[in-house]
C-alpha atoms as a PDB file:
ATOM      1  CA  MET A   1     -57.467  11.593  71.625  1.00  0.00           C
ATOM      2  CA  GLY A   2     -54.716  12.183  74.129  1.00  0.00           C
ATOM      3  CA  TRP A   3     -51.346  12.540  72.470  1.00  0.00           C
ATOM      4  CA  ASP A   4     -48.430  11.135  74.425  1.00  0.00           C
ATOM      5  CA  ALA A   5     -44.744  11.322  73.499  1.00  0.00           C
ATOM      6  CA  LYS A   6     -44.802   7.856  71.932  1.00  0.00           C
ATOM      7  CA  ASP A   7     -47.707   8.752  69.601  1.00  0.00           C
ATOM      8  CA  ILE A   8     -46.099  12.036  68.585  1.00  0.00           C
ATOM      9  CA  ALA A   9     -42.766  10.318  67.822  1.00  0.00           C
ATOM     10  CA  LEU A  10     -44.556   7.713  65.698  1.00  0.00           C
ATOM     11  CA  LEU A  11     -46.532  10.469  63.963  1.00  0.00           C
ATOM     12  CA  LYS A  12     -43.339  12.355  63.060  1.00  0.00           C
ATOM     13  CA  LYS A  13     -41.652   9.157  61.860  1.00  0.00           C
ATOM     14  CA  LEU A  14     -44.564   8.056  59.654  1.00  0.00           C
ATOM     15  CA  TRP A  15     -45.105  11.573  58.284  1.00  0.00           C
ATOM     16  CA  SER A  16     -41.452  11.930  57.333  1.00  0.00           C
ATOM     17  CA  ALA A  17     -41.607   8.481  55.706  1.00  0.00           C
ATOM     18  CA  GLY A  18     -44.271   9.851  53.358  1.00  0.00           C
ATOM     19  CA  GLN A  19     -47.398   8.184  54.695  1.00  0.00           C
ATOM     20  CA  SER A  20     -50.707   9.991  54.337  1.00  0.00           C
ATOM     21  CA  ALA A  21     -52.710  11.354  57.238  1.00  0.00           C
ATOM     22  CA  ALA A  22     -55.346   8.641  56.736  1.00  0.00           C
ATOM     23  CA  GLN A  23     -52.718   5.879  56.900  1.00  0.00           C
ATOM     24  CA  ILE A  24     -51.226   7.359  60.053  1.00  0.00           C
ATOM     25  CA  ALA A  25     -54.672   7.697  61.617  1.00  0.00           C
ATOM     26  CA  ARG A  26     -55.431   4.016  61.006  1.00  0.00           C
ATOM     27  CA  ARG A  27     -52.112   3.047  62.547  1.00  0.00           C
ATOM     28  CA  LEU A  28     -52.648   5.230  65.639  1.00  0.00           C
ATOM     29  CA  GLY A  29     -56.334   4.361  65.988  1.00  0.00           C
ATOM     30  CA  CYS A  30     -57.662   7.915  65.734  1.00  0.00           C
ATOM     31  CA  SER A  31     -59.375  10.076  63.135  1.00  0.00           C
ATOM     32  CA  ARG A  32     -57.676  11.645  60.150  1.00  0.00           C
ATOM     33  CA  ASN A  33     -58.755  15.073  61.388  1.00  0.00           C
ATOM     34  CA  ALA A  34     -56.984  14.457  64.700  1.00  0.00           C
ATOM     35  CA  VAL A  35     -53.782  13.640  62.816  1.00  0.00           C
ATOM     36  CA  CYS A  36     -54.129  16.704  60.557  1.00  0.00           C
ATOM     37  CA  GLY A  37     -54.746  18.912  63.568  1.00  0.00           C
ATOM     38  CA  MET A  38     -51.676  17.646  65.385  1.00  0.00           C
ATOM     39  CA  LEU A  39     -49.551  18.048  62.245  1.00  0.00           C
ATOM     40  CA  THR A  40     -50.751  21.645  61.963  1.00  0.00           C
ATOM     41  CA  ARG A  41     -50.047  22.372  65.628  1.00  0.00           C
ATOM     42  CA  MET A  42     -46.569  20.900  65.273  1.00  0.00           C
ATOM     43  CA  GLY A  43     -45.951  22.930  62.107  1.00  0.00           C
ATOM     44  CA  LEU A  44     -45.189  19.901  59.956  1.00  0.00           C
ATOM     45  CA  LYS A  45     -45.910  20.440  56.293  1.00  0.00           C
ATOM     46  CA  ARG A  46     -45.262  18.445  53.247  1.00  0.00           C
ATOM     47  CA  GLY A  47     -43.756  20.194  50.241  1.00  0.00           C
ATOM     48  CA  ARG A  48     -45.915  20.879  47.237  1.00  0.00           C
ATOM     49  CA  LYS A  49     -45.923  18.167  44.612  1.00  0.00           C
ATOM     50  CA  PRO A  50     -44.426  19.164  41.295  1.00  0.00           C
ATOM     51  CA  PRO A  51     -46.911  19.055  38.429  1.00  0.00           C
ATOM     52  CA  THR A  52     -47.004  15.646  36.806  1.00  0.00           C
ATOM     53  CA  ALA A  53     -47.895  16.856  33.345  1.00  0.00           C
ATOM     54  CA  ARG A  54     -46.576  19.702  31.296  1.00  0.00           C
ATOM     55  CA  PRO A  55     -49.452  20.735  29.056  1.00  0.00           C
ATOM     56  CA  ASN A  56     -48.627  22.044  25.631  1.00  0.00           C
ATOM     57  CA  ILE A  57     -50.668  25.227  25.296  1.00  0.00           C
ATOM     58  CA  ARG A  58     -51.404  25.969  21.681  1.00  0.00           C
ATOM     59  CA  PRO A  59     -52.237  29.429  20.355  1.00  0.00           C
ATOM     60  CA  PRO A  60     -55.817  29.989  19.204  1.00  0.00           C
ATOM     61  CA  PRO A  61     -56.459  29.182  15.550  1.00  0.00           C
ATOM     62  CA  LYS A  62     -56.102  32.048  13.098  1.00  0.00           C
ATOM     63  CA  LEU A  63     -59.328  33.008  11.414  1.00  0.00           C
ATOM     64  CA  ARG A  64     -59.346  33.235   7.651  1.00  0.00           C
ATOM     65  CA  PRO A  65     -60.534  36.559   6.316  1.00  0.00           C
ATOM     66  CA  THR A  66     -63.981  36.352   4.798  1.00  0.00           C
ATOM     67  CA  SER A  67     -64.589  37.468   1.270  1.00  0.00           C
ATOM     68  CA  SER A  68     -65.526  41.112   0.966  1.00  0.00           C
ATOM     69  CA  ALA A  69     -68.504  40.295  -1.292  1.00  0.00           C
ATOM     70  CA  ALA A  70     -70.328  38.615   1.567  1.00  0.00           C
ATOM     71  CA  CYS A  71     -70.433  41.780   3.614  1.00  0.00           C
ATOM     72  CA  ALA A  72     -70.309  44.458   0.946  1.00  0.00           C
ATOM     73  CA  SER A  73     -73.561  46.090   1.999  1.00  0.00           C
ATOM     74  CA  PRO A  74     -74.993  45.444   5.435  1.00  0.00           C
ATOM     75  CA  VAL A  75     -78.661  44.566   5.585  1.00  0.00           C
ATOM     76  CA  ALA A  76     -80.752  46.391   8.140  1.00  0.00           C
ATOM     77  CA  LYS A  77     -82.543  43.981  10.389  1.00  0.00           C
ATOM     78  CA  LYS A  78     -86.200  44.832  10.737  1.00  0.00           C
ATOM     79  CA  VAL A  79     -87.545  44.398  14.234  1.00  0.00           C
ATOM     80  CA  SER A  80     -91.275  44.407  14.683  1.00  0.00           C
ATOM     81  CA  ARG A  81     -92.532  46.381  17.619  1.00  0.00           C
ATOM     82  CA  ALA A  82     -96.001  45.213  18.430  1.00  0.00           C
ATOM     83  CA  LYS A  83     -97.912  47.744  20.448  1.00  0.00           C
ATOM     84  CA  ARG A  84     -98.738  46.431  23.888  1.00  0.00           C
ATOM     85  CA  PRO A  85    -102.210  46.926  25.246  1.00  0.00           C
ATOM     86  CA  GLU A  86    -102.514  49.389  28.094  1.00  0.00           C
ATOM     87  CA  PRO A  87    -102.849  47.743  31.519  1.00  0.00           C
ATOM     88  CA  LYS A  88    -106.385  47.669  32.850  1.00  0.00           C
ATOM     89  CA  GLU A  89    -107.042  50.027  35.748  1.00  0.00           C
ATOM     90  CA  PHE A  90    -109.073  48.736  38.696  1.00  0.00           C
ATOM     91  CA  SER A  91    -110.906  50.721  41.309  1.00  0.00           C
ATOM     92  CA  LYS A  92    -110.203  50.196  44.973  1.00  0.00           C
ATOM     93  CA  GLN A  93    -113.491  48.334  45.414  1.00  0.00           C
ATOM     94  CA  GLN A  94    -112.685  45.986  42.504  1.00  0.00           C
ATOM     95  CA  LEU A  95    -109.231  45.234  43.940  1.00  0.00           C
ATOM     96  CA  TYR A  96    -110.742  44.348  47.329  1.00  0.00           C
ATOM     97  CA  ALA A  97    -113.246  42.042  45.603  1.00  0.00           C
ATOM     98  CA  ILE A  98    -110.440  40.289  43.665  1.00  0.00           C
ATOM     99  CA  LEU A  99    -108.416  39.890  46.870  1.00  0.00           C
ATOM    100  CA  ALA A 100    -111.420  38.492  48.786  1.00  0.00           C
ATOM    101  CA  GLU A 101    -112.077  35.968  46.014  1.00  0.00           C
ATOM    102  CA  ALA A 102    -108.436  34.887  46.008  1.00  0.00           C
ATOM    103  CA  VAL A 103    -108.531  34.361  49.788  1.00  0.00           C
ATOM    104  CA  ARG A 104    -111.678  32.248  49.472  1.00  0.00           C
ATOM    105  CA  ASN A 105    -110.063  30.106  46.745  1.00  0.00           C
ATOM    106  CA  THR A 106    -106.891  29.367  48.722  1.00  0.00           C
ATOM    107  CA  GLY A 107    -108.664  27.756  51.683  1.00  0.00           C
END
């Protein structure tokens, strides 16, 4: 879009009146991105909006101490360690045979 003096004056007027970039774009008959780009090139910014809500941040709840009887003597957790079988070793000839079979099966 070619920006002439009339369009730029209208852009400044509508922007200062508080209209959004999309509203201005519809009025000028161009894209919102064209309006945003021109606003950036002209250095026009809108101030940051103040937060609309003021959240009340509460502290985390206090945990009640547990009774000492519940954890008087810790219990050791038994973990079973099953012995894994040793991996099977293949000869070079066996590996080539497995590979050839796999190639035949993928066709």
